Amino acid sequence: MRQFKDKICVITGAASGIGAACARAMAADGALVIGTDLRQDMLAETKAAVEKQGGRMETFMVDVADRDAMFDLAATVEKNHGAADLILNNAGVAFGATVEEMPLDDFKWLMDINFWGVVNGTQAFLPHFLAKGSGHVANVSSIFGLIGVPTQSAYNAAKFGVLGFTEALRHEMRDSNIGVSTIHPGGINTNIVRHARFQQGPDAETEREEAIERFAQLTRTQPDGAAKVIMKGIRKNKARILIGPDAHVVDWIRRLFPANYL
């Protein structure tokens, strides 16, 4: 994808953060954006912002963990507009806990969205790309898909999985006209921590507020800036799109000290 004008761009998790920023930016470049999320009010706000700037956006309430719903979305997009040109599998959630204390239900909840949601979105739209002979799969991992971090084992597992899954797909698409990219955001100022799950206990709410405050202090990159980097990376069909100076630092640390960075 050298340009976004008149392209059909599907973005999951488009209600806020990186997803909403990409919706606005791609629409501003002339794309028809198909945005999905489960937060209907926030998704409507993204659509209103896109239309206010003269762009086009359609919205769907879709749970990325629902495989049938994702395949139905792909079929609907093809029926209404022809095959999509881009699937940006961005939807994600957060959860923090030690391995020892992590409830399995929370682990499964995160994996269903952060990993299986990416698989579902990729497999739903890839056949349409192949039939059309063009398209781009962009899957959001994280800097936590490059290094392991205490209390983030579930998130690490999902994001490392996204990296491996997407890199395998890129190899498989090497002789096709299908672009494939893995996106690794660093500290982006989004709502992911505000909507995260935390270990239950008497101090859970205090821990939540402290985590939100720490996250706000550590994040330096704004979603609009992240969207520009993502679009530039997609245009160049980059294998890995690193967002923010911290993502680049983490990538170099991992390369220099692959087993001893902790």
Protein backbone atom coordinates (compact mmCIF):
# COMPACT_ATOMS: atom_id res chain seq x y z
CA MET A 1 0.00 0.00 0.00
CA ARG A 2 1.79 3.08 -1.25
CA GLN A 3 -1.12 5.38 -0.46
CA PHE A 4 -4.42 5.31 1.45
CA LYS A 5 -6.69 7.30 -0.86
CA ASP A 6 -9.81 5.29 -1.76
CA LYS A 7 -8.53 2.27 0.18
CA ILE A 8 -10.77 0.27 2.50
CA CYS A 9 -9.04 0.12 5.89
CA VAL A 10 -10.42 -2.08 8.66
CA ILE A 11 -9.29 -1.13 12.18
CA THR A 12 -10.17 -3.10 15.29
CA GLY A 13 -10.15 -1.30 18.64
CA ALA A 14 -11.00 1.96 16.86
CA ALA A 15 -12.81 3.59 19.77
CA SER A 16 -9.75 5.18 21.36
CA GLY A 17 -5.97 5.40 21.45
CA ILE A 18 -3.95 4.19 18.48
CA GLY A 19 -7.01 2.74 16.74
CA ALA A 20 -8.93 6.03 16.84
CA ALA A 21 -5.84 8.00 15.78
CA CYS A 22 -5.27 5.69 12.81
CA ALA A 23 -8.94 6.00 11.85
CA ARG A 24 -8.68 9.79 11.78
CA ALA A 25 -5.34 9.79 9.95
CA MET A 26 -6.26 7.22 7.31
CA ALA A 27 -9.61 8.88 6.67
CA ALA A 28 -7.83 12.22 6.30
CA ASP A 29 -5.74 10.60 3.56
CA GLY A 30 -8.90 9.56 1.72
CA ALA A 31 -9.48 6.02 3.01
CA LEU A 32 -12.86 4.54 3.87
CA VAL A 33 -12.36 3.38 7.45
CA ILE A 34 -14.26 0.40 8.85
CA GLY A 35 -13.88 0.68 12.62
CA THR A 36 -14.81 -1.91 15.21
CA ASP A 37 -14.99 -1.90 19.00
CA LEU A 38 -17.29 -2.93 21.85
CA ARG A 39 -17.41 0.55 23.40
CA GLN A 40 -20.24 1.96 21.33
CA ASP A 41 -20.20 5.50 22.74
CA MET A 42 -16.46 5.96 22.21
CA LEU A 43 -16.63 4.40 18.74
CA ALA A 44 -19.34 6.90 17.85
CA GLU A 45 -17.04 9.71 19.01
CA THR A 46 -14.29 8.46 16.69
CA LYS A 47 -16.74 8.35 13.78
CA ALA A 48 -17.94 11.89 14.56
CA ALA A 49 -14.33 13.15 14.63
CA VAL A 50 -13.59 11.49 11.29
CA GLU A 51 -16.69 12.95 9.67
CA LYS A 52 -16.05 16.39 11.15
CA GLN A 53 -12.76 16.51 9.24
CA GLY A 54 -14.53 15.41 6.05
CA GLY A 55 -13.61 11.72 6.18
CA ARG A 56 -15.61 8.52 5.80
CA MET A 57 -16.08 5.88 8.47
CA GLU A 58 -18.43 3.00 9.13
CA THR A 59 -18.63 1.36 12.55
CA PHE A 60 -19.46 -2.13 13.76
CA MET A 61 -19.82 -3.54 17.25
CA VAL A 62 -17.60 -6.61 16.95
CA ASP A 63 -15.81 -8.68 19.57
CA VAL A 64 -12.48 -9.70 18.02
CA ALA A 65 -12.46 -12.79 20.24
CA ASP A 66 -15.62 -13.96 18.42
CA ARG A 67 -14.20 -15.74 15.39
CA ASP A 68 -17.52 -16.04 13.56
CA ALA A 69 -18.21 -12.33 14.06
CA MET A 70 -14.86 -11.40 12.50
CA PHE A 71 -15.49 -13.61 9.48
CA ASP A 72 -18.98 -12.11 9.15
CA LEU A 73 -17.40 -8.64 9.22
CA ALA A 74 -15.00 -9.54 6.41
CA ALA A 75 -17.90 -10.90 4.34
CA THR A 76 -19.95 -7.76 4.98
CA VAL A 77 -17.10 -5.47 3.95
CA GLU A 78 -16.57 -7.46 0.75
CA LYS A 79 -20.29 -7.45 -0.05
CA ASN A 80 -20.70 -3.71 0.52
CA HIS A 81 -17.39 -2.36 -0.78
CA GLY A 82 -15.34 -5.13 -2.34
CA ALA A 83 -12.40 -6.74 -0.56
CA ALA A 84 -10.67 -4.64 2.08
CA ASP A 85 -7.15 -3.31 1.47
CA LEU A 86 -5.92 -3.28 5.08
CA ILE A 87 -6.67 -5.06 8.32
CA LEU A 88 -5.12 -3.35 11.33
CA ASN A 89 -5.53 -5.78 14.21
CA ASN A 90 -5.18 -3.27 17.02
CA ALA A 91 -7.75 -4.23 19.68
CA GLY A 92 -6.09 -5.06 22.99
CA VAL A 93 -6.49 -5.16 26.77
CA ALA A 94 -4.12 -5.26 29.73
CA PHE A 95 -3.83 -7.26 32.93
CA GLY A 96 -1.12 -7.30 35.55
CA ALA A 97 -0.33 -10.09 38.00
CA THR A 98 2.50 -12.38 38.98
CA VAL A 99 2.54 -15.85 37.45
CA GLU A 100 1.98 -17.33 40.90
CA GLU A 101 -1.14 -15.28 41.61
CA MET A 102 -2.63 -14.83 38.12
CA PRO A 103 -6.19 -16.18 37.79
CA LEU A 104 -6.55 -18.41 34.74
CA ASP A 105 -9.80 -16.74 33.72
CA ASP A 106 -8.04 -13.38 33.41
CA PHE A 107 -5.21 -14.98 31.45
CA LYS A 108 -7.69 -16.53 29.02
CA TRP A 109 -9.63 -13.25 28.72
CA LEU A 110 -6.49 -11.38 27.69
CA MET A 111 -5.29 -14.08 25.29
CA ASP A 112 -8.71 -14.27 23.60
CA ILE A 113 -8.49 -10.59 22.70
CA ASN A 114 -4.78 -9.81 22.33
CA PHE A 115 -3.71 -13.00 20.56
CA TRP A 116 -6.72 -14.86 19.20
CA GLY A 117 -8.30 -11.58 18.14
CA VAL A 118 -5.26 -10.99 15.91
CA VAL A 119 -5.46 -14.52 14.52
CA ASN A 120 -9.19 -14.17 13.86
CA GLY A 121 -8.81 -10.83 12.11
CA THR A 122 -5.91 -12.04 10.01
CA GLN A 123 -7.58 -15.26 8.90
CA ALA A 124 -10.89 -13.51 8.22
CA PHE A 125 -9.43 -10.96 5.80
CA LEU A 126 -6.39 -12.77 4.33
CA PRO A 127 -8.42 -14.92 1.87
CA HIS A 128 -9.96 -11.75 0.43
CA PHE A 129 -6.52 -10.18 0.01
CA LEU A 130 -5.23 -13.30 -1.74
CA ALA A 131 -8.23 -13.45 -4.07
CA LYS A 132 -7.81 -9.76 -4.86
CA GLY A 133 -4.06 -10.06 -5.28
CA SER A 134 -3.20 -7.24 -2.88
CA GLY A 135 -3.67 -6.09 0.71
CA HIS A 136 -1.84 -5.51 3.96
CA VAL A 137 -1.99 -7.22 7.35
CA ALA A 138 -0.76 -5.02 10.21
CA ASN A 139 -0.79 -6.63 13.67
CA VAL A 140 -0.15 -4.69 16.86
CA SER A 141 2.31 -6.31 19.25
CA SER A 142 4.20 -4.18 21.80
CA ILE A 143 7.64 -3.56 23.21
CA PHE A 144 6.40 -6.25 25.61
CA GLY A 145 6.47 -8.49 22.55
CA LEU A 146 10.25 -8.00 22.53
CA ILE A 147 11.16 -8.34 26.22
CA GLY A 148 9.63 -10.04 29.24
CA VAL A 149 8.51 -7.88 32.17
CA PRO A 150 7.52 -8.96 35.72
CA THR A 151 3.73 -9.06 36.36
CA GLN A 152 3.13 -8.94 32.59
CA SER A 153 3.44 -12.63 31.75
CA ALA A 154 -0.02 -12.83 30.17
CA TYR A 155 0.53 -9.67 28.12
CA ASN A 156 4.03 -10.83 27.19
CA ALA A 157 2.71 -14.22 26.09
CA ALA A 158 0.10 -12.63 23.83
CA LYS A 159 2.39 -10.01 22.32
CA PHE A 160 5.31 -12.42 21.77
CA GLY A 161 2.74 -14.69 20.11
CA VAL A 162 1.58 -11.89 17.83
CA LEU A 163 5.18 -11.28 16.75
CA GLY A 164 5.86 -14.93 15.94
CA PHE A 165 2.52 -15.41 14.18
CA THR A 166 2.96 -12.29 12.06
CA GLU A 167 6.58 -12.96 11.11
CA ALA A 168 5.64 -16.47 9.98
CA LEU A 169 2.86 -14.97 7.86
CA ARG A 170 5.28 -12.46 6.32
CA HIS A 171 7.52 -15.34 5.21
CA GLU A 172 4.51 -17.14 3.75
CA MET A 173 3.49 -14.01 1.80
CA ARG A 174 7.01 -13.34 0.50
CA ASP A 175 6.13 -14.19 -3.12
CA SER A 176 2.76 -12.44 -3.07
CA ASN A 177 1.64 -8.82 -3.20
CA ILE A 178 0.37 -9.01 0.39
CA GLY A 179 2.21 -6.77 2.85
CA VAL A 180 2.66 -7.90 6.46
CA SER A 181 3.87 -5.79 9.41
CA THR A 182 4.21 -6.20 13.16
CA ILE A 183 3.73 -2.99 15.14
CA HIS A 184 5.60 -2.48 18.43
CA PRO A 185 4.36 0.59 20.31
CA GLY A 186 6.37 1.80 23.26
CA GLY A 187 4.76 4.02 25.88
CA ILE A 188 1.76 5.48 24.05
CA ASN A 189 -0.64 7.72 25.94
CA THR A 190 -3.79 5.60 25.57
CA ASN A 191 -6.58 4.26 27.80
CA ILE A 192 -5.26 0.69 27.94
CA VAL A 193 -4.29 0.88 31.63
CA ARG A 194 -7.51 2.67 32.57
CA HIS A 195 -9.46 -0.27 31.11
CA ALA A 196 -7.10 -2.95 32.40
CA ARG A 197 -7.92 -5.67 34.89
CA PHE A 198 -6.05 -5.76 38.21
CA GLN A 199 -5.66 -8.40 40.87
CA GLN A 200 -8.58 -8.31 43.26
CA GLY A 201 -7.96 -7.32 46.85
CA PRO A 202 -8.60 -4.59 49.42
CA ASP A 203 -6.14 -2.23 47.70
CA ALA A 204 -7.20 -2.98 44.12
CA GLU A 205 -8.69 0.43 43.41
CA THR A 206 -5.70 2.26 44.87
CA GLU A 207 -3.35 0.12 42.82
CA ARG A 208 -5.40 0.90 39.71
CA GLU A 209 -5.16 4.66 40.23
CA GLU A 210 -1.44 4.46 40.98
CA ALA A 211 -0.86 2.40 37.82
CA ILE A 212 -2.80 4.92 35.72
CA GLU A 213 -0.74 7.77 37.16
CA ARG A 214 2.58 5.95 36.58
CA PHE A 215 1.56 5.08 33.04
CA ALA A 216 0.69 8.72 32.29
CA GLN A 217 4.11 9.84 33.56
CA LEU A 218 5.98 7.24 31.50
CA THR A 219 4.17 7.72 28.21
CA ARG A 220 5.71 10.30 25.94
CA THR A 221 4.28 9.43 22.52
CA GLN A 222 0.77 10.59 21.60
CA PRO A 223 -1.58 8.40 19.53
CA ASP A 224 -1.62 10.84 16.59
CA GLY A 225 2.15 10.58 16.33
CA ALA A 226 1.92 6.80 16.53
CA ALA A 227 -0.61 6.78 13.66
CA LYS A 228 1.82 8.68 11.41
CA VAL A 229 4.58 6.16 12.14
CA ILE A 230 2.24 3.23 11.48
CA MET A 231 1.06 4.64 8.15
CA LYS A 232 4.63 5.36 7.06
CA GLY A 233 5.64 1.81 7.97
CA ILE A 234 2.71 0.30 6.08
CA ARG A 235 3.54 2.36 2.99
CA LYS A 236 7.08 0.95 3.09
CA ASN A 237 5.88 -2.57 3.97
CA LYS A 238 8.23 -2.66 6.96
CA ALA A 239 8.45 -5.98 8.75
CA ARG A 240 8.59 -4.29 12.18
CA ILE A 241 7.25 -0.85 12.97
CA LEU A 242 8.75 0.53 16.19
CA ILE A 243 6.89 3.46 17.76
CA GLY A 244 8.54 5.84 20.18
CA PRO A 245 12.14 6.24 21.38
CA ASP A 246 11.58 3.70 24.15
CA ALA A 247 10.64 1.05 21.58
CA HIS A 248 13.89 1.64 19.72
CA VAL A 249 15.91 1.51 22.95
CA VAL A 250 14.23 -1.72 24.04
CA ASP A 251 14.85 -3.25 20.61
CA TRP A 252 18.58 -2.45 20.81
CA ILE A 253 18.86 -3.71 24.40
CA ARG A 254 17.23 -6.97 23.35
CA ARG A 255 19.66 -7.31 20.45
CA LEU A 256 22.75 -6.48 22.52
CA PHE A 257 21.76 -8.50 25.60
CA PRO A 258 19.28 -11.14 24.40
CA ALA A 259 19.45 -13.23 27.58
CA ASN A 260 20.70 -10.73 30.17
CA TYR A 261 18.60 -7.59 29.77
CA LEU A 262 16.85 -8.10 33.12
